[in-house]
Structure formats: C-alpha cells, structure tokens
Protein backbone atom coordinates (compact mmCIF):
# COMPACT_ATOMS: atom_id res chain seq x y z
CA MET A 1 -15.61 3.96 35.33
CA ASN A 2 -16.94 3.39 38.77
CA VAL A 3 -20.08 1.49 39.82
CA SER A 4 -22.03 4.69 40.43
CA ASP A 5 -21.11 5.78 36.82
CA LEU A 6 -22.59 2.42 35.52
CA ARG A 7 -25.67 2.78 37.53
CA GLU A 8 -26.30 6.28 36.18
CA ILE A 9 -25.94 4.90 32.64
CA LEU A 10 -28.14 1.87 33.23
CA GLN A 11 -31.03 4.15 34.28
CA TYR A 12 -31.23 5.55 30.91
CA VAL A 13 -30.99 2.30 28.88
CA PRO A 14 -34.69 1.16 29.11
CA ARG A 15 -35.75 4.80 28.40
CA PHE A 16 -33.73 4.99 25.05
CA ARG A 17 -34.01 1.54 23.90
CA GLU A 18 -35.48 1.51 20.27
CA LYS A 19 -35.70 5.24 20.19
CA ILE A 20 -34.18 7.21 17.37
CA PHE A 21 -31.37 9.70 17.79
CA VAL A 22 -30.43 12.05 15.01
CA VAL A 23 -26.64 12.72 15.27
CA SER A 24 -25.44 15.63 13.24
CA ILE A 25 -21.65 16.16 12.77
CA ASP A 26 -20.03 19.30 11.30
CA GLY A 27 -17.62 18.73 8.39
CA GLU A 28 -14.85 20.01 10.58
CA ILE A 29 -15.56 17.30 13.19
CA ALA A 30 -15.68 14.57 10.57
CA ALA A 31 -12.15 15.61 9.61
CA SER A 32 -10.91 16.03 13.29
CA PRO A 33 -8.80 13.54 15.19
CA ASN A 34 -11.73 12.81 17.61
CA PHE A 35 -13.98 11.49 14.91
CA ALA A 36 -12.58 8.00 15.56
CA ASN A 37 -13.84 8.09 19.15
CA ILE A 38 -17.18 9.42 17.99
CA LEU A 39 -17.56 6.30 15.92
CA LEU A 40 -17.07 4.23 18.90
CA ASP A 41 -19.65 6.16 20.77
CA LEU A 42 -22.06 5.51 17.93
CA ALA A 43 -21.23 1.89 18.33
CA VAL A 44 -22.09 2.03 21.96
CA LEU A 45 -25.35 3.58 21.24
CA ARG A 46 -26.22 0.96 18.83
CA SER A 47 -25.19 -1.77 21.22
CA LEU A 48 -27.85 -0.41 23.57
CA SER A 49 -30.55 -0.79 20.83
CA ILE A 50 -30.67 2.96 20.22
CA ARG A 51 -31.42 3.66 16.47
CA VAL A 52 -29.05 6.24 15.01
CA VAL A 53 -29.56 8.42 11.88
CA LEU A 54 -26.36 10.27 10.95
CA VAL A 55 -26.30 13.63 9.30
CA HIS A 56 -23.17 15.37 8.27
CA GLY A 57 -22.17 18.83 7.04
CA ALA A 58 -19.42 19.50 4.62
CA SER A 59 -18.46 23.09 4.93
CA LEU A 60 -14.75 22.47 5.59
CA GLN A 61 -14.56 19.99 2.76
CA VAL A 62 -16.26 22.39 0.27
CA GLN A 63 -13.94 25.22 1.20
CA GLU A 64 -10.90 22.91 0.71
CA ALA A 65 -12.30 21.68 -2.66
CA ALA A 66 -12.62 25.31 -3.72
CA GLU A 67 -9.11 26.15 -2.71
CA ARG A 68 -7.79 23.08 -4.70
CA ALA A 69 -9.65 24.26 -7.74
CA GLY A 70 -8.33 27.74 -7.30
CA THR A 71 -11.95 29.28 -6.99
CA LYS A 72 -14.08 30.59 -4.24
CA ALA A 73 -17.39 28.86 -3.21
CA SER A 74 -20.34 31.17 -3.16
CA ASN A 75 -21.35 29.54 0.15
CA THR A 76 -20.00 26.46 2.05
CA ASP A 77 -22.78 25.88 4.76
CA GLY A 78 -25.87 25.52 2.53
CA THR A 79 -27.18 29.03 3.33
CA GLY A 80 -27.20 31.92 0.95
CA ILE A 81 -26.56 31.63 -2.73
CA THR A 82 -25.27 28.49 -4.25
CA ASP A 83 -24.00 28.94 -7.83
CA GLU A 84 -23.48 25.99 -10.34
CA ALA A 85 -19.80 25.73 -9.64
CA THR A 86 -20.27 25.62 -5.85
CA LEU A 87 -23.10 22.96 -6.23
CA GLU A 88 -20.53 20.81 -8.19
CA LEU A 89 -17.87 21.28 -5.48
CA SER A 90 -20.53 20.56 -2.75
CA ILE A 91 -21.68 17.25 -4.43
CA GLY A 92 -18.06 16.04 -4.80
CA ALA A 93 -16.97 17.01 -1.17
CA ALA A 94 -20.21 15.90 0.43
CA MET A 95 -20.20 12.51 -1.20
CA ARG A 96 -16.50 11.79 -0.72
CA LEU A 97 -17.18 12.60 3.08
CA THR A 98 -20.22 10.36 3.04
CA HIS A 99 -18.06 7.57 1.66
CA GLU A 100 -15.42 8.22 4.39
CA ILE A 101 -17.97 8.14 7.08
CA LEU A 102 -19.27 4.76 5.82
CA GLU A 103 -15.75 3.45 5.78
CA GLY A 104 -15.39 4.65 9.33
CA LEU A 105 -18.60 2.98 10.54
CA ALA A 106 -17.53 -0.27 8.86
CA SER A 107 -14.28 -0.16 10.88
CA VAL A 108 -16.42 -0.32 14.10
CA ASP A 109 -18.62 -3.14 12.68
CA LEU A 110 -21.63 -1.03 12.02
CA ARG A 111 -23.63 -1.32 8.96
CA ALA A 112 -24.66 1.92 7.29
CA ALA A 113 -26.07 3.04 3.95
CA TYR A 114 -26.05 6.33 2.07
CA ALA A 115 -29.79 7.75 1.99
CA ASN A 116 -31.08 10.32 -0.34
CA ALA A 117 -33.93 10.75 1.90
CA VAL A 118 -34.18 14.65 1.88
CA ILE A 119 -36.68 15.89 -0.65
CA ALA A 120 -35.90 19.47 -1.59
CA HIS A 121 -37.05 22.25 -4.08
CA PRO A 122 -35.14 25.50 -4.89
CA ALA A 123 -35.13 28.13 -2.23
CA GLY A 124 -36.16 30.54 -4.90
CA ILE A 125 -35.88 34.18 -4.78
CA LEU A 126 -35.37 35.76 -1.37
CA GLY A 127 -35.20 39.56 -0.98
CA GLY A 128 -35.05 39.95 -4.65
CA VAL A 129 -32.05 37.58 -5.03
CA ASP A 130 -32.22 34.17 -6.67
CA GLN A 131 -30.54 31.72 -4.37
CA GLY A 132 -29.51 29.43 -7.27
CA HIS A 133 -29.02 25.77 -6.33
CA THR A 134 -29.58 26.21 -2.57
CA GLY A 135 -32.54 23.99 -1.51
CA ARG A 136 -35.59 24.37 0.63
CA ILE A 137 -36.39 21.12 2.35
CA GLU A 138 -39.91 20.00 1.54
CA ARG A 139 -40.14 16.64 3.26
CA VAL A 140 -38.29 13.49 4.39
CA ASP A 141 -38.59 10.09 2.90
CA VAL A 142 -39.59 8.45 6.32
CA LYS A 143 -40.41 5.09 4.79
CA CYS A 144 -36.90 4.75 3.26
CA LEU A 145 -35.27 5.64 6.65
CA HIS A 146 -37.49 3.39 8.63
CA MET A 147 -36.62 0.51 6.41
CA LEU A 148 -33.01 1.00 7.10
CA LEU A 149 -33.41 1.43 10.81
CA HIS A 150 -35.67 -1.58 11.00
CA GLU A 151 -32.76 -3.74 9.68
CA GLY A 152 -30.18 -2.04 12.02
CA ILE A 153 -28.52 -0.05 9.34
CA ILE A 154 -27.56 3.53 10.11
CA PRO A 155 -28.62 5.98 7.41
CA VAL A 156 -26.01 8.38 6.54
CA VAL A 157 -27.55 11.65 5.23
CA PRO A 158 -25.32 14.30 3.37
CA PRO A 159 -26.14 18.05 3.11
CA LEU A 160 -27.87 17.51 -0.13
CA GLY A 161 -31.52 17.48 -1.20
CA PHE A 162 -33.14 16.04 -4.38
CA ASP A 163 -36.34 16.75 -6.09
CA GLY A 164 -38.53 14.48 -8.32
CA GLU A 165 -36.81 15.45 -11.48
CA GLY A 166 -33.48 14.42 -10.48
CA HIS A 167 -32.11 17.83 -9.54
CA THR A 168 -29.71 18.11 -6.51
CA TYR A 169 -29.63 21.18 -4.01
CA ARG A 170 -27.27 22.23 -1.40
CA VAL A 171 -29.01 22.14 2.01
CA ASN A 172 -27.86 23.17 5.48
CA SER A 173 -27.09 20.16 7.63
CA ASP A 174 -28.42 21.67 10.93
CA HIS A 175 -31.66 22.11 9.10
CA ALA A 176 -31.64 18.67 7.63
CA ALA A 177 -31.08 17.12 11.21
CA ALA A 178 -34.01 19.03 12.60
CA GLU A 179 -36.28 18.16 9.72
CA LEU A 180 -35.36 14.45 10.09
CA ALA A 181 -35.84 14.35 13.67
CA GLU A 182 -39.19 15.87 13.43
CA ALA A 183 -40.46 13.56 10.62
CA LEU A 184 -39.11 10.37 12.41
CA HIS A 185 -40.48 11.49 15.88
CA ALA A 186 -36.88 11.23 17.15
CA ALA A 187 -36.08 11.41 20.88
CA LYS A 188 -33.01 13.59 20.47
CA VAL A 189 -30.99 15.56 18.10
CA VAL A 190 -27.38 15.67 19.02
CA TYR A 191 -25.28 18.42 17.17
CA LEU A 192 -21.57 17.75 17.38
CA SER A 193 -20.23 21.20 16.53
CA ALA A 194 -16.82 22.62 15.71
CA ASP A 195 -17.79 25.89 17.16
CA ALA A 196 -19.27 25.19 20.78
CA LYS A 197 -18.21 28.57 22.18
CA LEU A 198 -19.37 32.08 21.79
CA PRO A 199 -16.96 34.86 20.77
CA GLY A 200 -14.76 35.70 23.73
CA GLY A 201 -14.80 31.92 24.96
CA ALA A 202 -18.20 32.24 26.82
CA SER A 203 -20.36 29.10 26.71
CA LEU A 204 -23.94 28.84 26.01
CA PRO A 205 -26.17 28.04 29.24
CA ARG A 206 -26.29 24.38 30.14
CA GLN A 207 -30.03 24.25 29.73
CA LEU A 208 -32.53 26.36 27.60
CA GLY A 209 -36.17 26.07 27.42
CA ILE A 210 -37.73 26.79 23.98
CA ALA A 211 -38.72 30.26 24.99
CA GLU A 212 -35.14 30.96 26.45
CA ALA A 213 -33.43 29.69 23.27
CA GLU A 214 -35.69 31.88 21.07
CA GLU A 215 -34.97 34.98 23.49
CA LEU A 216 -31.14 34.23 23.23
CA LEU A 217 -31.45 34.32 19.35
CA LYS A 218 -33.16 37.63 19.52
CA LYS A 219 -30.34 39.16 21.56
CA ARG A 220 -27.51 37.84 19.32
CA LYS A 221 -25.31 40.42 17.63
CA ASN A 222 -25.77 40.45 13.84
CA GLY A 223 -23.31 37.84 12.22
CA GLU A 224 -22.19 36.47 15.67
CA ALA A 225 -21.20 32.68 15.73
CA PRO A 226 -23.34 31.73 12.90
CA ASN A 227 -22.57 27.95 13.07
CA LEU A 228 -23.38 27.85 16.79
CA TYR A 229 -26.60 29.96 16.58
CA SER A 230 -27.77 27.91 13.48
CA LYS A 231 -27.97 24.89 15.88
CA VAL A 232 -29.81 27.03 18.44
CA ASP A 233 -32.25 28.12 15.94
CA TYR A 234 -33.17 24.84 14.34
CA GLY A 235 -32.88 23.02 17.68
CA ALA A 236 -35.63 25.35 19.15
CA LYS A 237 -37.76 24.94 16.02
CA ALA A 238 -37.42 21.10 16.34
CA CYS A 239 -38.49 21.34 19.88
CA ARG A 240 -41.53 23.27 18.92
CA GLN A 241 -42.43 20.54 16.36
CA GLY A 242 -42.25 17.79 19.14
CA VAL A 243 -38.56 16.69 19.59
CA SER A 244 -38.10 16.74 23.34
CA ARG A 245 -34.30 17.18 23.45
CA ILE A 246 -31.67 19.00 21.48
CA HIS A 247 -28.05 18.67 22.45
CA ILE A 248 -25.19 21.03 21.30
CA LEU A 249 -21.82 19.60 22.08
CA ASP A 250 -18.20 20.34 21.34
CA GLY A 251 -17.29 17.51 18.92
CA THR A 252 -13.77 17.84 19.73
CA VAL A 253 -14.13 16.59 23.17
CA ASP A 254 -13.60 12.76 23.73
CA GLU A 255 -16.71 10.97 25.01
CA ALA A 256 -18.84 14.01 24.86
CA LEU A 257 -21.69 12.30 23.26
CA LEU A 258 -21.88 9.57 25.85
CA ASP A 259 -21.33 12.03 28.68
CA GLU A 260 -24.24 14.14 27.50
CA VAL A 261 -26.66 11.36 26.78
CA PHE A 262 -26.01 9.10 29.88
CA SER A 263 -25.72 11.64 32.74
CA ASN A 264 -28.03 13.99 34.26
CA GLU A 265 -25.83 17.04 34.22
CA GLY A 266 -24.36 16.61 30.68
CA ILE A 267 -21.55 18.57 29.41
CA GLY A 268 -22.99 20.68 26.70
CA THR A 269 -26.14 22.75 26.16
CA MET A 270 -29.53 21.18 25.97
CA ILE A 271 -32.70 22.69 24.49
CA TYR A 272 -35.66 21.08 25.82
CA SER A 273 -39.52 20.94 25.46
CA ASN A 274 -41.40 21.67 28.68
CA GLU A 275 -41.75 18.18 29.89
CA TYR A 276 -37.94 18.02 30.66
CA GLN A 277 -38.22 20.32 33.62
CA GLN A 278 -41.03 20.83 35.90
CA ILE A 279 -41.98 22.03 39.33
CA ARG A 280 -44.51 19.86 40.82
CA LYS A 281 -46.16 18.69 44.08
CA ILE A 282 -44.11 16.44 46.27
CA PHE A 283 -45.08 12.78 46.34
CA LYS A 284 -44.42 10.45 49.11
CA LYS A 285 -41.91 8.50 47.11
CA ASP A 286 -39.92 11.89 46.75
CA VAL A 287 -39.29 12.34 50.36
CA ARG A 288 -36.13 10.16 50.58
CA ALA A 289 -34.72 12.02 47.61
CA VAL A 290 -35.38 15.45 49.23
CA MET A 291 -33.85 14.40 52.57
CA SER A 292 -30.67 13.26 50.52
CA LEU A 293 -30.70 16.46 48.62
CA ILE A 294 -30.81 18.80 51.70
CA ARG A 295 -28.94 16.73 54.29
CA GLN A 296 -25.60 18.47 53.66
CA SER A 297 -27.10 21.95 54.03
CA MET A 298 -28.87 20.94 57.14
CA ASP A 299 -25.49 19.69 58.57
CA SER A 300 -24.00 23.10 57.68
CA GLU A 301 -26.86 24.92 59.33
CA GLU A 302 -27.92 26.50 56.15
CA LEU A 303 -31.33 24.84 56.26
CA VAL A 304 -33.42 24.14 59.27
CA ARG A 305 -33.12 20.64 60.40
CA ARG A 306 -36.13 18.44 59.14
CA THR A 307 -36.86 14.86 59.55
CA ARG A 308 -38.67 12.59 57.08
CA ALA A 309 -41.68 12.81 59.43
CA ASP A 310 -41.62 16.53 59.33
CA ILE A 311 -41.90 16.57 55.60
CA LEU A 312 -44.48 13.93 55.53
CA GLU A 313 -46.47 15.90 57.91
CA GLN A 314 -46.32 18.98 55.85
CA MET A 315 -46.39 17.43 52.33
CA GLN A 316 -49.01 19.78 51.13
CA ASP A 317 -46.62 22.65 51.45
CA PHE A 318 -43.67 21.11 49.56
CA TRP A 319 -42.70 21.30 45.87
CA VAL A 320 -39.94 19.74 43.98
CA LEU A 321 -37.96 20.92 40.91
CA GLU A 322 -37.73 17.72 38.65
CA ILE A 323 -35.23 17.61 35.81
CA ASP A 324 -35.17 14.64 33.43
CA GLY A 325 -37.00 12.47 35.93
CA LYS A 326 -34.81 13.35 38.99
CA VAL A 327 -35.55 15.59 41.98
CA MET A 328 -32.89 18.24 41.63
CA GLY A 329 -34.42 21.10 43.97
CA CYS A 330 -37.17 21.71 46.40
CA VAL A 331 -39.09 24.63 48.12
CA ALA A 332 -41.89 24.96 50.60
CA LEU A 333 -44.63 27.56 51.17
CA HIS A 334 -46.24 27.60 54.65
CA VAL A 335 -49.22 29.84 54.59
CA SER A 336 -50.82 31.48 57.55
CA PRO A 337 -54.32 32.41 56.26
CA ALA A 338 -55.37 34.52 59.19
CA GLU A 339 -52.46 36.82 59.01
CA GLY A 340 -52.35 36.89 55.25
CA CYS A 341 -48.69 36.08 55.01
CA GLY A 342 -46.59 33.03 54.05
CA GLU A 343 -43.13 31.59 54.57
CA LEU A 344 -40.79 30.56 51.76
CA ALA A 345 -38.86 27.70 53.28
CA CYS A 346 -36.60 24.84 52.38
CA LEU A 347 -35.35 26.50 49.22
CA TYR A 348 -32.57 24.20 47.84
CA VAL A 349 -31.03 23.34 44.39
CA GLN A 350 -28.45 20.52 43.93
CA LYS A 351 -24.91 21.86 43.72
CA GLU A 352 -24.53 20.62 40.16
CA HIS A 353 -27.35 22.80 38.96
CA GLU A 354 -26.49 25.93 40.77
CA ASN A 355 -26.05 29.30 38.86
CA GLU A 356 -28.46 27.92 36.04
CA GLY A 357 -31.44 30.15 37.35
CA HIS A 358 -33.43 27.32 38.98
CA GLY A 359 -33.39 29.10 42.50
CA ARG A 360 -35.03 32.13 40.90
CA LYS A 361 -37.53 29.88 39.05
CA LEU A 362 -38.45 28.20 42.39
CA MET A 363 -38.95 31.62 44.14
CA ALA A 364 -41.00 32.90 41.23
CA PHE A 365 -43.14 29.91 41.51
CA VAL A 366 -43.60 30.49 45.20
CA ASP A 367 -44.47 34.17 44.54
CA ASN A 368 -47.32 33.10 42.07
CA LEU A 369 -48.56 30.28 44.29
CA ALA A 370 -48.74 32.60 47.44
CA ARG A 371 -50.60 35.21 45.37
CA GLU A 372 -53.05 32.43 44.28
CA LYS A 373 -53.62 31.47 47.89
CA GLY A 374 -54.32 35.24 48.89
CA VAL A 375 -50.87 35.91 50.55
CA ARG A 376 -50.08 39.63 50.69
CA GLN A 377 -46.67 39.32 52.27
CA LEU A 378 -43.96 36.71 52.04
CA TYR A 379 -41.13 36.18 54.53
CA ALA A 380 -38.17 34.01 54.63
CA LEU A 381 -35.65 33.02 57.32
CA SER A 382 -31.97 32.55 56.47
CA THR A 383 -28.51 32.22 58.18
CA GLN A 384 -26.31 32.04 54.93
CA ALA A 385 -28.43 32.79 51.85
CA TYR A 386 -29.97 36.11 52.85
CA LYS A 387 -27.88 38.01 50.30
CA TYR A 388 -29.17 35.65 47.47
CA LEU A 389 -32.68 36.19 48.64
CA GLN A 390 -32.30 39.94 48.67
CA ILE A 391 -30.51 40.21 45.32
CA LYS A 392 -32.29 37.49 43.53
CA GLY A 393 -35.73 37.22 45.13
CA GLY A 394 -36.46 40.98 45.93
CA PHE A 395 -36.72 40.29 49.72
CA ARG A 396 -35.63 43.00 52.17
CA GLU A 397 -34.38 42.66 55.71
CA SER A 398 -36.93 43.09 58.50
CA SER A 399 -37.82 42.25 62.09
CA PRO A 400 -38.94 39.05 63.66
CA ASP A 401 -42.15 40.94 64.86
CA ILE A 402 -43.60 40.43 61.18
CA MET A 403 -44.13 36.73 61.84
CA PRO A 404 -47.22 35.11 63.03
CA ALA A 405 -47.08 34.52 66.72
CA ALA A 406 -46.73 30.69 66.60
CA ARG A 407 -43.80 30.88 64.00
CA ARG A 408 -42.27 33.69 66.21
CA MET A 409 -42.26 31.20 69.14
CA GLN A 410 -40.48 28.64 67.01
CA TYR A 411 -37.96 31.28 65.88
CA ASP A 412 -37.19 32.30 69.41
CA ALA A 413 -36.85 28.52 70.54
CA ASP A 414 -34.55 27.24 67.83
CA GLY A 415 -31.66 29.68 68.62
CA ARG A 416 -30.55 30.00 65.07
CA GLN A 417 -30.68 33.76 64.99
CA SER A 418 -31.69 33.71 61.40
CA LYS A 419 -32.15 36.96 59.49
CA VAL A 420 -35.69 37.80 58.82
CA LEU A 421 -36.43 38.91 55.21
CA VAL A 422 -39.88 40.06 53.78
CA LYS A 423 -41.41 41.19 50.50
CA ASP A 424 -44.81 42.50 49.57
CA LEU A 425 -46.76 40.80 46.95
CA ALA A 426 -48.70 42.97 44.65
C-alpha cells in the first residue's frame, strides 16, 4: 500500500464511522478458501467503527447435505417450494454454517452472536401451488439487532425465518439482507457472490442507477444467472426503500470487500440511489479539481487550453459530474442568445470512468439545458473526439460558418483547425 492508497481510504473513514453495513455471503463463498481473508476484511471494518451485520446463504451446504442423505432438495436457495425434508436439511446445514462462521469470527478476535431476527410467515399458495415451508419475510427484529450492535457484537443471520408460534421457514439470503438493511437504515448492502459473471463471462456494469438495474432485469433471459440477478433485484428494491448503496462483488477475489468500499472506482457492481451521482453547477472550490481533471487532455491538445481564471470567469457555463462526492467529469454550455445557438465545450470524463455512459449523460444534460435556454442549434469543436460526438452525441460535421462571428474569430485565431460539428435541437 502506498501513501495515496492510505489517503483514499482515510477520506471514507469519517463518512462510514458508526454506519451499518449488511454483508451477505453466499454459502459457496463461506466454504471457499477466500473466506478466511473475508473475515480479516470484516475485522478491518470493525476496527474503523463500522457496524457489521452478517447474513449468509446455505445453498451449497443444503445441496451437499441432500447428497449425503441420498435424496434431492426441493430447493436450495430459499425460493420455490420447500418440502418438510428439505426444511430439515436446510435447518441443519444453515445452523452448522452459522456455527462455523461464529468460529471464524472468533479466530480474528471479533465477537458475534446468532440472531433469529427475521420474522417470517408461510409464502402460501402462489400460482395455485403451495410453497410449503418457504417463508415470506414479514419484518425484522430491529431492537434485537441494535442491542447486539450497540455492544460491538456482529449479528450473524442464517437464511431462516421464524414466526410467533415457533415455526421455522426457509428464506432467501439475498432477500433477508435487503430487508435487514432497510429496517436498520443501513448505509450499504455488500453481496459477496459466487456468481459475479453473466453467462459467457460478461460482467455487470460497474454502476447502475435504480432505473438502470430495473431495466437490466427486464431484459434478462428467462432463467439466466438466477443467483446474480437475485442480488440485482433485491438490491434495486432496497435502494427504492432508502438504502443508498448496494455492492455486488466476486467473493473469491482477495480484498474485494475493502477495494470496493474504500476506493472511488471499486471493483464490482454498485447499484445506487440518485444522490450517489449527480450533474451539478460548478462551485469555486471545484475549479482546482476540474483543472487537474482536464490537464492531461489540454497537454495532448484534445481540449482547448484553459486557465483557472478562464473557468472562474465563465463559471455560470460550467457543470461537473460528481460521483460519490468527487468530481469525475465536466462539461460547459456557452450560449449565444442572439444567434439562438450554443456551444458544447470542455466535455471530459476521468479515464477510470470511461465507457460507463457518463459522457452520453453529460451530452444529454447539455441538450436539455440548451433547450431550456431557447437554443435551437448546438455546435461543438473537436480535434480528436469528433467521431465520439457523431456516434454517441448525434452531431454531424459542418462548416465554421455556422458559428457566431465572435466565436469564429477565436476559432480562426487559435490555429487548432478543429472539426466543427453541429446538431439541431427539436
């Protein structure tokens, strides 16, 4: 670890101190060689005064228990029908895994306790079929969990629910994690998954807004990557209910949890509520960050050279893309009211966030802003990104004659010979 890594981590510590993270671990991950490293990562979170609630699945363990018993489980992940034999297998497998997790947490000097905090009722009859002992989560015993968290104890929650009559039900751990996070007003849910890739090896997008996650679910093929899409589904629902961040990580990767939580780029997929990412007006305090952001592109003549004074003089024209509190992109709209046209300028997104759709979002934002200001035609000048503007932004190549006279004089004087692109705004 170098100094810059430590500085990046430290900026998150005040923000996360005393916040609740719900960490959900697939049964396959709990049985993997990397689980020992995950336990150490949890110890790091606790050392930084982050409160952790641990939820675990038991799909692999139920399947293995069924094979040892020479039978077949009616379901292993808490969805679909759970018959009586499968419920018995699930209780045994889940509680054995809970005990192993408690042992593991003790080995890294963390206090933990099993919590029967998920209150459930029968899922009932769905589509004319009785779901047996599969449970529907009704509520979470928040008081019980807060008592443990207040004492510095990590609650460990298995994929089982209980009703007031002492009955046990099999529940889905992804669903349980989302319900716990909502009830506890958690800052994050972190899913450590055994299936972090789509069929064919493709990855989920690095960031997904709630609407984007829901659209992704609509486009999935029937039966495709059920474990992974389950996390997207419950993650998006948790965001809808007020949880600001959902992280889906490959649980087999060492330090994935810390890399995701304590870096701006992360290494997995994050589903976020709207406050995570915003396009907003530039403030004076942002000018230094914008100058640092665009300096390399100015040196390579991709962008027009600007000084701090130039940006301060035209601050009303500049907007920034802020991701998790940091400026990661910028754009400007210079309007010429008399001519009814505007210039899209200084469009830039940090390299680490390229190919994630942020450039298109900034262009779409400028389109809408320009329309609000009565702009009928938008133009842009580019020496290197003109193909991107044409393909992604809907611009077409034009002549310098379309520019206002004052801007044309600047264009002729700077000698950059930029291509001129234009589009009409409906």
